[in-house]
């Protein structure tokens, strides 16, 4: 009888341990997904901030410049910004921008440079 009770307790302990491991893996996976979402969110915010500033500088006219602080890097290649298409009347110089930058309109061409 004592041996049977010990085996039952051991079995319950093993099942509890397996359930605990499954819960811990779920929490770990959720933490990873949250971190990915946060990084993606910063990327989208940076893209929208840069694009909004570029539009303002474009519509105000040549010679206009505005300084902004980007929360994440913005990569511009062709008509894509951080992998998403965009439309704006002025051309934007290709490059990878991050940190505090100066967005400038030079003859309807938007350029950005790091500001220290």
PDB file of N, CA and C in Angstrom:
ATOM      1  N   UNK A   1       0.804  -1.194   0.000  1.00  0.00           N
ATOM      2  CA  UNK A   1       0.000   0.000   0.000  1.00  0.00           C
ATOM      3  C   UNK A   1       0.851   1.262   0.000  1.00  0.00           C
ATOM      4  N   UNK A   2       1.900   1.253   0.847  1.00  0.00           N
ATOM      5  CA  UNK A   2       2.757   2.431   0.918  1.00  0.00           C
ATOM      6  C   UNK A   2       3.461   2.665  -0.413  1.00  0.00           C
ATOM      7  N   UNK A   3       3.863   1.593  -1.048  1.00  0.00           N
ATOM      8  CA  UNK A   3       4.560   1.726  -2.335  1.00  0.00           C
ATOM      9  C   UNK A   3       3.626   2.285  -3.395  1.00  0.00           C
ATOM     10  N   UNK A   4       2.369   1.839  -3.377  1.00  0.00           N
ATOM     11  CA  UNK A   4       1.396   2.335  -4.354  1.00  0.00           C
ATOM     12  C   UNK A   4       1.159   3.833  -4.150  1.00  0.00           C
ATOM     13  N   UNK A   5       1.048   4.286  -2.925  1.00  0.00           N
ATOM     14  CA  UNK A   5       0.844   5.707  -2.647  1.00  0.00           C
ATOM     15  C   UNK A   5       2.047   6.514  -3.106  1.00  0.00           C
ATOM     16  N   UNK A   6       3.248   5.997  -2.885  1.00  0.00           N
ATOM     17  CA  UNK A   6       4.462   6.690  -3.323  1.00  0.00           C
ATOM     18  C   UNK A   6       4.498   6.824  -4.838  1.00  0.00           C
ATOM     19  N   UNK A   7       4.115   5.763  -5.529  1.00  0.00           N
ATOM     20  CA  UNK A   7       4.096   5.790  -6.998  1.00  0.00           C
ATOM     21  C   UNK A   7       3.059   6.795  -7.480  1.00  0.00           C
ATOM     22  N   UNK A   8       1.903   6.843  -6.836  1.00  0.00           N
ATOM     23  CA  UNK A   8       0.865   7.791  -7.230  1.00  0.00           C
ATOM     24  C   UNK A   8       1.332   9.238  -7.024  1.00  0.00           C
ATOM     25  N   UNK A   9       1.966   9.502  -5.881  1.00  0.00           N
ATOM     26  CA  UNK A   9       2.493  10.838  -5.632  1.00  0.00           C
ATOM     27  C   UNK A   9       3.580  11.207  -6.641  1.00  0.00           C
ATOM     28  N   UNK A  10       4.430  10.258  -6.945  1.00  0.00           N
ATOM     29  CA  UNK A  10       5.484  10.487  -7.928  1.00  0.00           C
ATOM     30  C   UNK A  10       4.888  10.779  -9.304  1.00  0.00           C
ATOM     31  N   UNK A  11       3.852  10.038  -9.660  1.00  0.00           N
ATOM     32  CA  UNK A  11       3.179  10.252 -10.942  1.00  0.00           C
ATOM     33  C   UNK A  11       2.513  11.632 -10.983  1.00  0.00           C
ATOM     34  N   UNK A  12       1.838  12.026  -9.915  1.00  0.00           N
ATOM     35  CA  UNK A  12       1.237  13.357  -9.846  1.00  0.00           C
ATOM     36  C   UNK A  12       2.293  14.450  -9.934  1.00  0.00           C
ATOM     37  N   UNK A  13       3.426  14.240  -9.267  1.00  0.00           N
ATOM     38  CA  UNK A  13       4.517  15.210  -9.330  1.00  0.00           C
ATOM     39  C   UNK A  13       5.050  15.333 -10.754  1.00  0.00           C
ATOM     40  N   UNK A  14       5.218  14.192 -11.442  1.00  0.00           N
ATOM     41  CA  UNK A  14       5.727  14.203 -12.824  1.00  0.00           C
ATOM     42  C   UNK A  14       4.746  14.922 -13.753  1.00  0.00           C
ATOM     43  N   UNK A  15       3.459  14.674 -13.597  1.00  0.00           N
ATOM     44  CA  UNK A  15       2.447  15.321 -14.434  1.00  0.00           C
ATOM     45  C   UNK A  15       2.441  16.825 -14.163  1.00  0.00           C
ATOM     46  N   UNK A  16       2.540  17.204 -12.893  1.00  0.00           N
ATOM     47  CA  UNK A  16       2.587  18.622 -12.537  1.00  0.00           C
ATOM     48  C   UNK A  16       3.809  19.297 -13.142  1.00  0.00           C
ATOM     49  N   UNK A  17       4.929  18.615 -13.122  1.00  0.00           N
ATOM     50  CA  UNK A  17       6.161  19.147 -13.692  1.00  0.00           C
ATOM     51  C   UNK A  17       6.026  19.346 -15.201  1.00  0.00           C
ATOM     52  N   UNK A  18       5.418  18.387 -15.883  1.00  0.00           N
ATOM     53  CA  UNK A  18       5.211  18.503 -17.336  1.00  0.00           C
ATOM     54  C   UNK A  18       4.295  19.690 -17.639  1.00  0.00           C
ATOM     55  N   UNK A  19       3.227  19.854 -16.871  1.00  0.00           N
ATOM     56  CA  UNK A  19       2.316  20.981 -17.072  1.00  0.00           C
ATOM     57  C   UNK A  19       3.041  22.304 -16.831  1.00  0.00           C
ATOM     58  N   UNK A  20       3.862  22.356 -15.803  1.00  0.00           N
ATOM     59  CA  UNK A  20       4.632  23.564 -15.504  1.00  0.00           C
ATOM     60  C   UNK A  20       5.599  23.902 -16.642  1.00  0.00           C
ATOM     61  N   UNK A  21       6.241  22.892 -17.198  1.00  0.00           N
ATOM     62  CA  UNK A  21       7.169  23.109 -18.325  1.00  0.00           C
ATOM     63  C   UNK A  21       6.413  23.644 -19.541  1.00  0.00           C
ATOM     64  N   UNK A  22       5.232  23.100 -19.812  1.00  0.00           N
ATOM     65  CA  UNK A  22       4.424  23.570 -20.947  1.00  0.00           C
ATOM     66  C   UNK A  22       4.015  25.021 -20.739  1.00  0.00           C
ATOM     67  N   UNK A  23       3.612  25.369 -19.526  1.00  0.00           N
ATOM     68  CA  UNK A  23       3.225  26.756 -19.228  1.00  0.00           C
ATOM     69  C   UNK A  23       4.421  27.692 -19.392  1.00  0.00           C
ATOM     70  N   UNK A  24       5.588  27.280 -18.903  1.00  0.00           N
ATOM     71  CA  UNK A  24       6.787  28.118 -19.016  1.00  0.00           C
ATOM     72  C   UNK A  24       7.176  28.334 -20.481  1.00  0.00           C
ATOM     73  N   UNK A  25       7.056  27.298 -21.300  1.00  0.00           N
ATOM     74  CA  UNK A  25       7.357  27.453 -22.724  1.00  0.00           C
ATOM     75  C   UNK A  25       6.372  28.397 -23.393  1.00  0.00           C
ATOM     76  N   UNK A  26       5.104  28.313 -23.002  1.00  0.00           N
ATOM     77  CA  UNK A  26       4.095  29.220 -23.544  1.00  0.00           C
ATOM     78  C   UNK A  26       4.396  30.661 -23.184  1.00  0.00           C
ATOM     79  N   UNK A  27       4.786  30.895 -21.948  1.00  0.00           N
ATOM     80  CA  UNK A  27       5.124  32.255 -21.504  1.00  0.00           C
ATOM     81  C   UNK A  27       6.355  32.759 -22.249  1.00  0.00           C
ATOM     82  N   UNK A  28       7.343  31.897 -22.419  1.00  0.00           N
ATOM     83  CA  UNK A  28       8.558  32.274 -23.142  1.00  0.00           C
ATOM     84  C   UNK A  28       8.236  32.631 -24.597  1.00  0.00           C
ATOM     85  N   UNK A  29       7.382  31.848 -25.216  1.00  0.00           N
ATOM     86  CA  UNK A  29       6.981  32.107 -26.603  1.00  0.00           C
ATOM     87  C   UNK A  29       6.217  33.419 -26.697  1.00  0.00           C
ATOM     88  N   UNK A  30       5.350  33.674 -25.741  1.00  0.00           N
ATOM     89  CA  UNK A  30       4.581  34.909 -25.719  1.00  0.00           C
ATOM     90  C   UNK A  30       5.496  36.115 -25.547  1.00  0.00           C
ATOM     91  N   UNK A  31       6.514  35.986 -24.703  1.00  0.00           N
ATOM     92  CA  UNK A  31       7.479  37.061 -24.506  1.00  0.00           C
ATOM     93  C   UNK A  31       8.213  37.359 -25.812  1.00  0.00           C
ATOM     94  N   UNK A  32       8.616  36.309 -26.545  1.00  0.00           N
ATOM     95  CA  UNK A  32       9.295  36.494 -27.825  1.00  0.00           C
ATOM     96  C   UNK A  32       8.403  37.184 -28.846  1.00  0.00           C
ATOM     97  N   UNK A  33       7.125  36.801 -28.884  1.00  0.00           N
ATOM     98  CA  UNK A  33       6.199  37.433 -29.823  1.00  0.00           C
ATOM     99  C   UNK A  33       5.979  38.897 -29.458  1.00  0.00           C
ATOM    100  N   UNK A  34       5.916  39.197 -28.163  1.00  0.00           N
ATOM    101  CA  UNK A  34       5.743  40.573 -27.724  1.00  0.00           C
ATOM    102  C   UNK A  34       6.939  41.418 -28.125  1.00  0.00           C
ATOM    103  N   UNK A  35       8.143  40.860 -27.983  1.00  0.00           N
ATOM    104  CA  UNK A  35       9.358  41.582 -28.356  1.00  0.00           C
ATOM    105  C   UNK A  35       9.381  41.857 -29.866  1.00  0.00           C
ATOM    106  N   UNK A  36       8.988  40.856 -30.678  1.00  0.00           N
ATOM    107  CA  UNK A  36       8.930  41.049 -32.128  1.00  0.00           C
ATOM    108  C   UNK A  36       7.905  42.119 -32.493  1.00  0.00           C
ATOM    109  N   UNK A  37       6.760  42.117 -31.825  1.00  0.00           N
ATOM    110  CA  UNK A  37       5.728  43.106 -32.089  1.00  0.00           C
ATOM    111  C   UNK A  37       6.245  44.505 -31.742  1.00  0.00           C
ATOM    112  N   UNK A  38       6.952  44.614 -30.621  1.00  0.00           N
ATOM    113  CA  UNK A  38       7.483  45.906 -30.196  1.00  0.00           C
ATOM    114  C   UNK A  38       8.494  46.439 -31.215  1.00  0.00           C
ATOM    115  N   UNK A  39       9.372  45.557 -31.710  1.00  0.00           N
ATOM    116  CA  UNK A  39      10.355  45.982 -32.713  1.00  0.00           C
ATOM    117  C   UNK A  39       9.652  46.412 -33.999  1.00  0.00           C
ATOM    118  N   UNK A  40       8.649  45.664 -34.405  1.00  0.00           N
ATOM    119  CA  UNK A  40       7.895  45.989 -35.617  1.00  0.00           C
ATOM    120  C   UNK A  40       7.168  47.323 -35.454  1.00  0.00           C
ATOM    121  N   UNK A  41       6.614  47.537 -34.271  1.00  0.00           N
ATOM    122  CA  UNK A  41       5.906  48.773 -33.978  1.00  0.00           C
ATOM    123  C   UNK A  41       6.842  49.975 -34.070  1.00  0.00           C
ATOM    124  N   UNK A  42       8.053  49.859 -33.519  1.00  0.00           N
ATOM    125  CA  UNK A  42       9.026  50.952 -33.592  1.00  0.00           C
ATOM    126  C   UNK A  42       9.399  51.234 -35.039  1.00  0.00           C
ATOM    127  N   UNK A  43       9.537  50.178 -35.832  1.00  0.00           N
ATOM    128  CA  UNK A  43       9.877  50.339 -37.244  1.00  0.00           C
ATOM    129  C   UNK A  43       8.775  51.088 -37.987  1.00  0.00           C
ATOM    130  N   UNK A  44       7.518  50.742 -37.721  1.00  0.00           N
ATOM    131  CA  UNK A  44       6.401  51.417 -38.391  1.00  0.00           C
ATOM    132  C   UNK A  44       6.273  52.869 -37.941  1.00  0.00           C
ATOM    133  N   UNK A  45       6.501  53.128 -36.662  1.00  0.00           N
ATOM    134  CA  UNK A  45       6.444  54.504 -36.155  1.00  0.00           C
ATOM    135  C   UNK A  45       7.530  55.354 -36.818  1.00  0.00           C
ATOM    136  N   UNK A  46       8.745  54.802 -36.917  1.00  0.00           N
ATOM    137  CA  UNK A  46       9.851  55.525 -37.552  1.00  0.00           C
ATOM    138  C   UNK A  46       9.531  55.817 -39.015  1.00  0.00           C
ATOM    139  N   UNK A  47       8.991  54.831 -39.709  1.00  0.00           N
ATOM    140  CA  UNK A  47       8.624  55.006 -41.118  1.00  0.00           C
ATOM    141  C   UNK A  47       7.585  56.115 -41.269  1.00  0.00           C
ATOM    142  N   UNK A  48       6.540  56.080 -40.459  1.00  0.00           N
ATOM    143  CA  UNK A  48       5.480  57.087 -40.553  1.00  0.00           C
ATOM    144  C   UNK A  48       5.993  58.482 -40.189  1.00  0.00           C
ATOM    145  N   UNK A  49       6.863  58.562 -39.186  1.00  0.00           N
ATOM    146  CA  UNK A  49       7.433  59.849 -38.799  1.00  0.00           C
ATOM    147  C   UNK A  49       8.279  60.440 -39.927  1.00  0.00           C
ATOM    148  N   UNK A  50       9.128  59.598 -40.518  1.00  0.00           N
ATOM    149  CA  UNK A  50       9.974  60.056 -41.622  1.00  0.00           C
ATOM    150  C   UNK A  50       9.118  60.466 -42.818  1.00  0.00           C
ATOM    151  N   UNK A  51       8.138  59.634 -43.157  1.00  0.00           N
ATOM    152  CA  UNK A  51       7.296  59.914 -44.322  1.00  0.00           C
ATOM    153  C   UNK A  51       6.472  61.181 -44.111  1.00  0.00           C
ATOM    154  N   UNK A  52       5.938  61.367 -42.930  1.00  0.00           N
ATOM    155  CA  UNK A  52       5.165  62.573 -42.626  1.00  0.00           C
ATOM    156  C   UNK A  52       6.041  63.816 -42.740  1.00  0.00           C
ATOM    157  N   UNK A  53       7.246  63.740 -42.211  1.00  0.00           N
ATOM    158  CA  UNK A  53       8.168  64.873 -42.294  1.00  0.00           C
ATOM    159  C   UNK A  53       8.579  65.130 -43.739  1.00  0.00           C
ATOM    160  N   UNK A  54       8.834  64.073 -44.497  1.00  0.00           N
ATOM    161  CA  UNK A  54       9.212  64.220 -45.908  1.00  0.00           C
ATOM    162  C   UNK A  54       8.081  64.876 -46.699  1.00  0.00           C
ATOM    163  N   UNK A  55       6.847  64.491 -46.409  1.00  0.00           N
ATOM    164  CA  UNK A  55       5.699  65.115 -47.096  1.00  0.00           C
ATOM    165  C   UNK A  55       5.611  66.606 -46.759  1.00  0.00           C
ATOM    166  N   UNK A  56       5.758  66.927 -45.463  1.00  0.00           N
ATOM    167  CA  UNK A  56       5.702  68.334 -45.058  1.00  0.00           C
ATOM    168  C   UNK A  56       6.772  69.149 -45.777  1.00  0.00           C
ATOM    169  N   UNK A  57       7.982  68.630 -45.794  1.00  0.00           N
ATOM    170  CA  UNK A  57       9.106  69.327 -46.434  1.00  0.00           C
ATOM    171  C   UNK A  57       8.868  69.438 -47.938  1.00  0.00           C
ATOM    172  N   UNK A  58       8.306  68.404 -48.525  1.00  0.00           N
ATOM    173  CA  UNK A  58       8.031  68.410 -49.966  1.00  0.00           C
ATOM    174  C   UNK A  58       6.975  69.455 -50.311  1.00  0.00           C
ATOM    175  N   UNK A  59       5.872  69.466 -49.555  1.00  0.00           N
ATOM    176  CA  UNK A  59       4.770  70.381 -49.874  1.00  0.00           C
ATOM    177  C   UNK A  59       5.089  71.833 -49.554  1.00  0.00           C
ATOM    178  N   UNK A  60       5.921  72.095 -48.560  1.00  0.00           N
ATOM    179  CA  UNK A  60       6.284  73.477 -48.224  1.00  0.00           C
ATOM    180  C   UNK A  60       7.151  74.075 -49.332  1.00  0.00           C
ATOM    181  N   UNK A  61       8.058  73.261 -49.886  1.00  0.00           N
ATOM    182  CA  UNK A  61       8.827  73.739 -51.029  1.00  0.00           C
ATOM    183  C   UNK A  61      10.326  73.619 -50.853  1.00  0.00           C
ATOM    184  N   UNK A  62      11.032  73.934 -51.931  1.00  0.00           N
ATOM    185  CA  UNK A  62      12.484  73.826 -51.964  1.00  0.00           C
ATOM    186  C   UNK A  62      13.129  74.733 -50.915  1.00  0.00           C
ATOM    187  N   UNK A  63      14.171  74.203 -50.271  1.00  0.00           N
ATOM    188  CA  UNK A  63      14.879  74.956 -49.250  1.00  0.00           C
ATOM    189  C   UNK A  63      14.380  74.693 -47.841  1.00  0.00           C
ATOM    190  N   UNK A  64      13.272  73.987 -47.715  1.00  0.00           N
ATOM    191  CA  UNK A  64      12.704  73.692 -46.398  1.00  0.00           C
ATOM    192  C   UNK A  64      13.453  72.533 -45.754  1.00  0.00           C
ATOM    193  N   UNK A  65      13.648  72.600 -44.442  1.00  0.00           N
ATOM    194  CA  UNK A  65      14.267  71.487 -43.720  1.00  0.00           C
ATOM    195  C   UNK A  65      13.656  71.372 -42.327  1.00  0.00           C
ATOM    196  N   UNK A  66      13.516  70.148 -41.861  1.00  0.00           N
ATOM    197  CA  UNK A  66      13.000  69.865 -40.522  1.00  0.00           C
ATOM    198  C   UNK A  66      13.874  68.801 -39.877  1.00  0.00           C
ATOM    199  N   UNK A  67      14.070  68.934 -38.577  1.00  0.00           N
ATOM    200  CA  UNK A  67      14.869  67.966 -37.821  1.00  0.00           C
ATOM    201  C   UNK A  67      13.927  67.046 -37.038  1.00  0.00           C
ATOM    202  N   UNK A  68      14.198  65.738 -37.065  1.00  0.00           N
ATOM    203  CA  UNK A  68      13.384  64.773 -36.322  1.00  0.00           C
ATOM    204  C   UNK A  68      14.283  63.737 -35.652  1.00  0.00           C
ATOM    205  N   UNK A  69      13.750  63.100 -34.615  1.00  0.00           N
ATOM    206  CA  UNK A  69      14.439  62.011 -33.912  1.00  0.00           C
ATOM    207  C   UNK A  69      13.684  60.719 -34.217  1.00  0.00           C
ATOM    208  N   UNK A  70      14.330  59.797 -34.918  1.00  0.00           N
ATOM    209  CA  UNK A  70      13.700  58.526 -35.279  1.00  0.00           C
ATOM    210  C   UNK A  70      13.886  57.500 -34.155  1.00  0.00           C
ATOM    211  N   UNK A  71      12.816  56.789 -33.771  1.00  0.00           N
ATOM    212  CA  UNK A  71      12.936  55.769 -32.736  1.00  0.00           C
ATOM    213  C   UNK A  71      13.591  54.482 -33.239  1.00  0.00           C
ATOM    214  N   UNK A  72      13.686  54.323 -34.549  1.00  0.00           N
ATOM    215  CA  UNK A  72      14.268  53.123 -35.158  1.00  0.00           C
ATOM    216  C   UNK A  72      14.819  53.534 -36.520  1.00  0.00           C
ATOM    217  N   UNK A  73      15.539  52.656 -37.164  1.00  0.00           N
ATOM    218  CA  UNK A  73      16.106  53.002 -38.467  1.00  0.00           C
ATOM    219  C   UNK A  73      15.036  52.946 -39.555  1.00  0.00           C
ATOM    220  N   UNK A  74      15.257  53.746 -40.599  1.00  0.00           N
ATOM    221  CA  UNK A  74      14.380  53.775 -41.766  1.00  0.00           C
ATOM    222  C   UNK A  74      15.242  53.498 -42.981  1.00  0.00           C
ATOM    223  N   UNK A  75      14.874  52.455 -43.720  1.00  0.00           N
ATOM    224  CA  UNK A  75      15.617  52.095 -44.933  1.00  0.00           C
ATOM    225  C   UNK A  75      14.765  52.444 -46.144  1.00  0.00           C
ATOM    226  N   UNK A  76      15.332  53.253 -47.034  1.00  0.00           N
ATOM    227  CA  UNK A  76      14.620  53.666 -48.241  1.00  0.00           C
ATOM    228  C   UNK A  76      15.357  53.119 -49.451  1.00  0.00           C
ATOM    229  N   UNK A  77      14.600  52.387 -50.273  1.00  0.00           N
ATOM    230  CA  UNK A  77      15.162  51.878 -51.527  1.00  0.00           C
ATOM    231  C   UNK A  77      14.069  51.944 -52.587  1.00  0.00           C
ATOM    232  N   UNK A  78      14.317  52.725 -53.590  1.00  0.00           N
ATOM    233  CA  UNK A  78      13.326  52.896 -54.655  1.00  0.00           C
ATOM    234  C   UNK A  78      12.065  53.553 -54.115  1.00  0.00           C
ATOM    235  N   UNK A  79      10.941  52.890 -54.302  1.00  0.00           N
ATOM    236  CA  UNK A  79       9.674  53.422 -53.798  1.00  0.00           C
ATOM    237  C   UNK A  79       9.209  52.650 -52.565  1.00  0.00           C
ATOM    238  N   UNK A  80      10.144  52.066 -51.829  1.00  0.00           N
ATOM    239  CA  UNK A  80       9.808  51.323 -50.613  1.00  0.00           C
ATOM    240  C   UNK A  80      10.540  51.921 -49.420  1.00  0.00           C
ATOM    241  N   UNK A  81       9.812  52.011 -48.318  1.00  0.00           N
ATOM    242  CA  UNK A  81      10.366  52.515 -47.069  1.00  0.00           C
ATOM    243  C   UNK A  81      10.096  51.451 -46.008  1.00  0.00           C
ATOM    244  N   UNK A  82      11.175  50.868 -45.457  1.00  0.00           N
ATOM    245  CA  UNK A  82      11.083  49.745 -44.502  1.00  0.00           C
ATOM    246  C   UNK A  82      10.225  48.609 -45.062  1.00  0.00           C
ATOM    247  N   UNK A  83      10.333  48.411 -46.375  1.00  0.00           N
ATOM    248  CA  UNK A  83       9.622  47.310 -47.018  1.00  0.00           C
ATOM    249  C   UNK A  83       8.209  47.632 -47.471  1.00  0.00           C
ATOM    250  N   UNK A  84       7.714  48.830 -47.169  1.00  0.00           N
ATOM    251  CA  UNK A  84       6.364  49.221 -47.559  1.00  0.00           C
ATOM    252  C   UNK A  84       6.434  50.300 -48.632  1.00  0.00           C
ATOM    253  N   UNK A  85       5.543  50.219 -49.592  1.00  0.00           N
ATOM    254  CA  UNK A  85       5.487  51.233 -50.639  1.00  0.00           C
ATOM    255  C   UNK A  85       4.974  52.561 -50.098  1.00  0.00           C
ATOM    256  N   UNK A  86       5.349  53.644 -50.748  1.00  0.00           N
ATOM    257  CA  UNK A  86       4.886  54.969 -50.348  1.00  0.00           C
ATOM    258  C   UNK A  86       4.731  55.829 -51.587  1.00  0.00           C
ATOM    259  N   UNK A  87       3.926  56.880 -51.471  1.00  0.00           N
ATOM    260  CA  UNK A  87       3.743  57.826 -52.572  1.00  0.00           C
ATOM    261  C   UNK A  87       3.965  59.228 -52.048  1.00  0.00           C
ATOM    262  N   UNK A  88       4.762  59.971 -52.775  1.00  0.00           N
ATOM    263  CA  UNK A  88       5.040  61.372 -52.425  1.00  0.00           C
ATOM    264  C   UNK A  88       5.507  62.053 -53.713  1.00  0.00           C
ATOM    265  N   UNK A  89       5.099  63.299 -53.953  1.00  0.00           N
ATOM    266  CA  UNK A  89       5.478  63.972 -55.204  1.00  0.00           C
ATOM    267  C   UNK A  89       6.981  64.188 -55.373  1.00  0.00           C
ATOM    268  N   UNK A  90       7.705  64.352 -54.284  1.00  0.00           N
ATOM    269  CA  UNK A  90       9.152  64.569 -54.359  1.00  0.00           C
ATOM    270  C   UNK A  90       9.891  63.233 -54.292  1.00  0.00           C
ATOM    271  N   UNK A  91      11.033  63.171 -54.918  1.00  0.00           N
ATOM    272  CA  UNK A  91      11.870  61.969 -54.830  1.00  0.00           C
ATOM    273  C   UNK A  91      12.608  61.970 -53.492  1.00  0.00           C
ATOM    274  N   UNK A  92      12.783  60.811 -52.917  1.00  0.00           N
ATOM    275  CA  UNK A  92      13.516  60.689 -51.653  1.00  0.00           C
ATOM    276  C   UNK A  92      14.812  59.940 -51.926  1.00  0.00           C
ATOM    277  N   UNK A  93      15.922  60.495 -51.450  1.00  0.00           N
ATOM    278  CA  UNK A  93      17.225  59.853 -51.636  1.00  0.00           C
ATOM    279  C   UNK A  93      17.255  58.519 -50.895  1.00  0.00           C
ATOM    280  N   UNK A  94      17.786  57.502 -51.562  1.00  0.00           N
ATOM    281  CA  UNK A  94      17.880  56.182 -50.945  1.00  0.00           C
ATOM    282  C   UNK A  94      18.920  56.184 -49.841  1.00  0.00           C
ATOM    283  N   UNK A  95      18.709  55.335 -48.872  1.00  0.00           N
ATOM    284  CA  UNK A  95      19.673  55.221 -47.780  1.00  0.00           C
ATOM    285  C   UNK A  95      19.053  54.601 -46.548  1.00  0.00           C
ATOM    286  N   UNK A  96      19.872  54.491 -45.517  1.00  0.00           N
ATOM    287  CA  UNK A  96      19.444  53.956 -44.233  1.00  0.00           C
ATOM    288  C   UNK A  96      19.657  55.060 -43.197  1.00  0.00           C
ATOM    289  N   UNK A  97      18.577  55.524 -42.599  1.00  0.00           N
ATOM    290  CA  UNK A  97      18.634  56.653 -41.686  1.00  0.00           C
ATOM    291  C   UNK A  97      18.210  56.225 -40.285  1.00  0.00           C
ATOM    292  N   UNK A  98      18.879  56.798 -39.282  1.00  0.00           N
ATOM    293  CA  UNK A  98      18.510  56.513 -37.895  1.00  0.00           C
ATOM    294  C   UNK A  98      18.975  57.653 -36.999  1.00  0.00           C
ATOM    295  N   UNK A  99      18.405  57.717 -35.795  1.00  0.00           N
ATOM    296  CA  UNK A  99      18.776  58.752 -34.838  1.00  0.00           C
ATOM    297  C   UNK A  99      18.181  60.096 -35.198  1.00  0.00           C
ATOM    298  N   UNK A 100      18.867  61.146 -34.829  1.00  0.00           N
ATOM    299  CA  UNK A 100      18.406  62.510 -35.128  1.00  0.00           C
ATOM    300  C   UNK A 100      18.881  62.875 -36.526  1.00  0.00           C
ATOM    301  N   UNK A 101      17.915  63.211 -37.389  1.00  0.00           N
ATOM    302  CA  UNK A 101      18.259  63.530 -38.778  1.00  0.00           C
ATOM    303  C   UNK A 101      17.600  64.848 -39.199  1.00  0.00           C
ATOM    304  N   UNK A 102      18.196  65.452 -40.212  1.00  0.00           N
ATOM    305  CA  UNK A 102      17.663  66.666 -40.825  1.00  0.00           C
ATOM    306  C   UNK A 102      17.106  66.275 -42.191  1.00  0.00           C
ATOM    307  N   UNK A 103      15.809  66.453 -42.363  1.00  0.00           N
ATOM    308  CA  UNK A 103      15.147  66.139 -43.636  1.00  0.00           C
ATOM    309  C   UNK A 103      15.030  67.444 -44.406  1.00  0.00           C
ATOM    310  N   UNK A 104      15.576  67.458 -45.623  1.00  0.00           N
ATOM    311  CA  UNK A 104      15.688  68.709 -46.384  1.00  0.00           C
ATOM    312  C   UNK A 104      15.163  68.526 -47.807  1.00  0.00           C
ATOM    313  N   UNK A 105      14.508  69.579 -48.314  1.00  0.00           N
ATOM    314  CA  UNK A 105      14.021  69.606 -49.691  1.00  0.00           C
ATOM    315  C   UNK A 105      14.967  70.470 -50.512  1.00  0.00           C
ATOM    316  N   UNK A 106      15.660  69.834 -51.444  1.00  0.00           N
ATOM    317  CA  UNK A 106      16.558  70.550 -52.342  1.00  0.00           C
ATOM    318  C   UNK A 106      16.043  70.333 -53.758  1.00  0.00           C
ATOM    319  N   UNK A 107      15.393  71.347 -54.299  1.00  0.00           N
ATOM    320  CA  UNK A 107      14.834  71.283 -55.656  1.00  0.00           C
ATOM    321  C   UNK A 107      13.938  70.065 -55.835  1.00  0.00           C
ATOM    322  N   UNK A 108      12.992  69.882 -54.923  1.00  0.00           N
ATOM    323  CA  UNK A 108      12.023  68.786 -54.927  1.00  0.00           C
ATOM    324  C   UNK A 108      12.654  67.401 -54.838  1.00  0.00           C
ATOM    325  N   UNK A 109      13.796  67.325 -54.197  1.00  0.00           N
ATOM    326  CA  UNK A 109      14.428  66.036 -53.886  1.00  0.00           C
ATOM    327  C   UNK A 109      14.684  66.027 -52.385  1.00  0.00           C
ATOM    328  N   UNK A 110      14.119  65.054 -51.711  1.00  0.00           N
ATOM    329  CA  UNK A 110      14.241  64.960 -50.255  1.00  0.00           C
ATOM    330  C   UNK A 110      15.514  64.208 -49.899  1.00  0.00           C
ATOM    331  N   UNK A 111      16.321  64.841 -49.058  1.00  0.00           N
ATOM    332  CA  UNK A 111      17.539  64.209 -48.563  1.00  0.00           C
ATOM    333  C   UNK A 111      17.497  64.235 -47.032  1.00  0.00           C
ATOM    334  N   UNK A 112      18.243  63.335 -46.429  1.00  0.00           N
ATOM    335  CA  UNK A 112      18.310  63.285 -44.971  1.00  0.00           C
ATOM    336  C   UNK A 112      19.755  63.108 -44.570  1.00  0.00           C
ATOM    337  N   UNK A 113      20.146  63.800 -43.511  1.00  0.00           N
ATOM    338  CA  UNK A 113      21.505  63.697 -43.001  1.00  0.00           C
ATOM    339  C   UNK A 113      21.463  63.647 -41.490  1.00  0.00           C
ATOM    340  N   UNK A 114      22.418  62.960 -40.931  1.00  0.00           N
ATOM    341  CA  UNK A 114      22.525  62.847 -39.481  1.00  0.00           C
ATOM    342  C   UNK A 114      22.859  64.193 -38.851  1.00  0.00           C
ATOM    343  N   UNK A 115      22.232  64.483 -37.712  1.00  0.00           N
ATOM    344  CA  UNK A 115      22.501  65.719 -36.971  1.00  0.00           C
ATOM    345  C   UNK A 115      23.086  65.315 -35.631  1.00  0.00           C
ATOM    346  N   UNK A 116      24.200  65.886 -35.291  1.00  0.00           N
ATOM    347  CA  UNK A 116      24.851  65.572 -34.000  1.00  0.00           C
ATOM    348  C   UNK A 116      24.657  66.685 -33.031  1.00  0.00           C
TER     349      UNK A 116
END
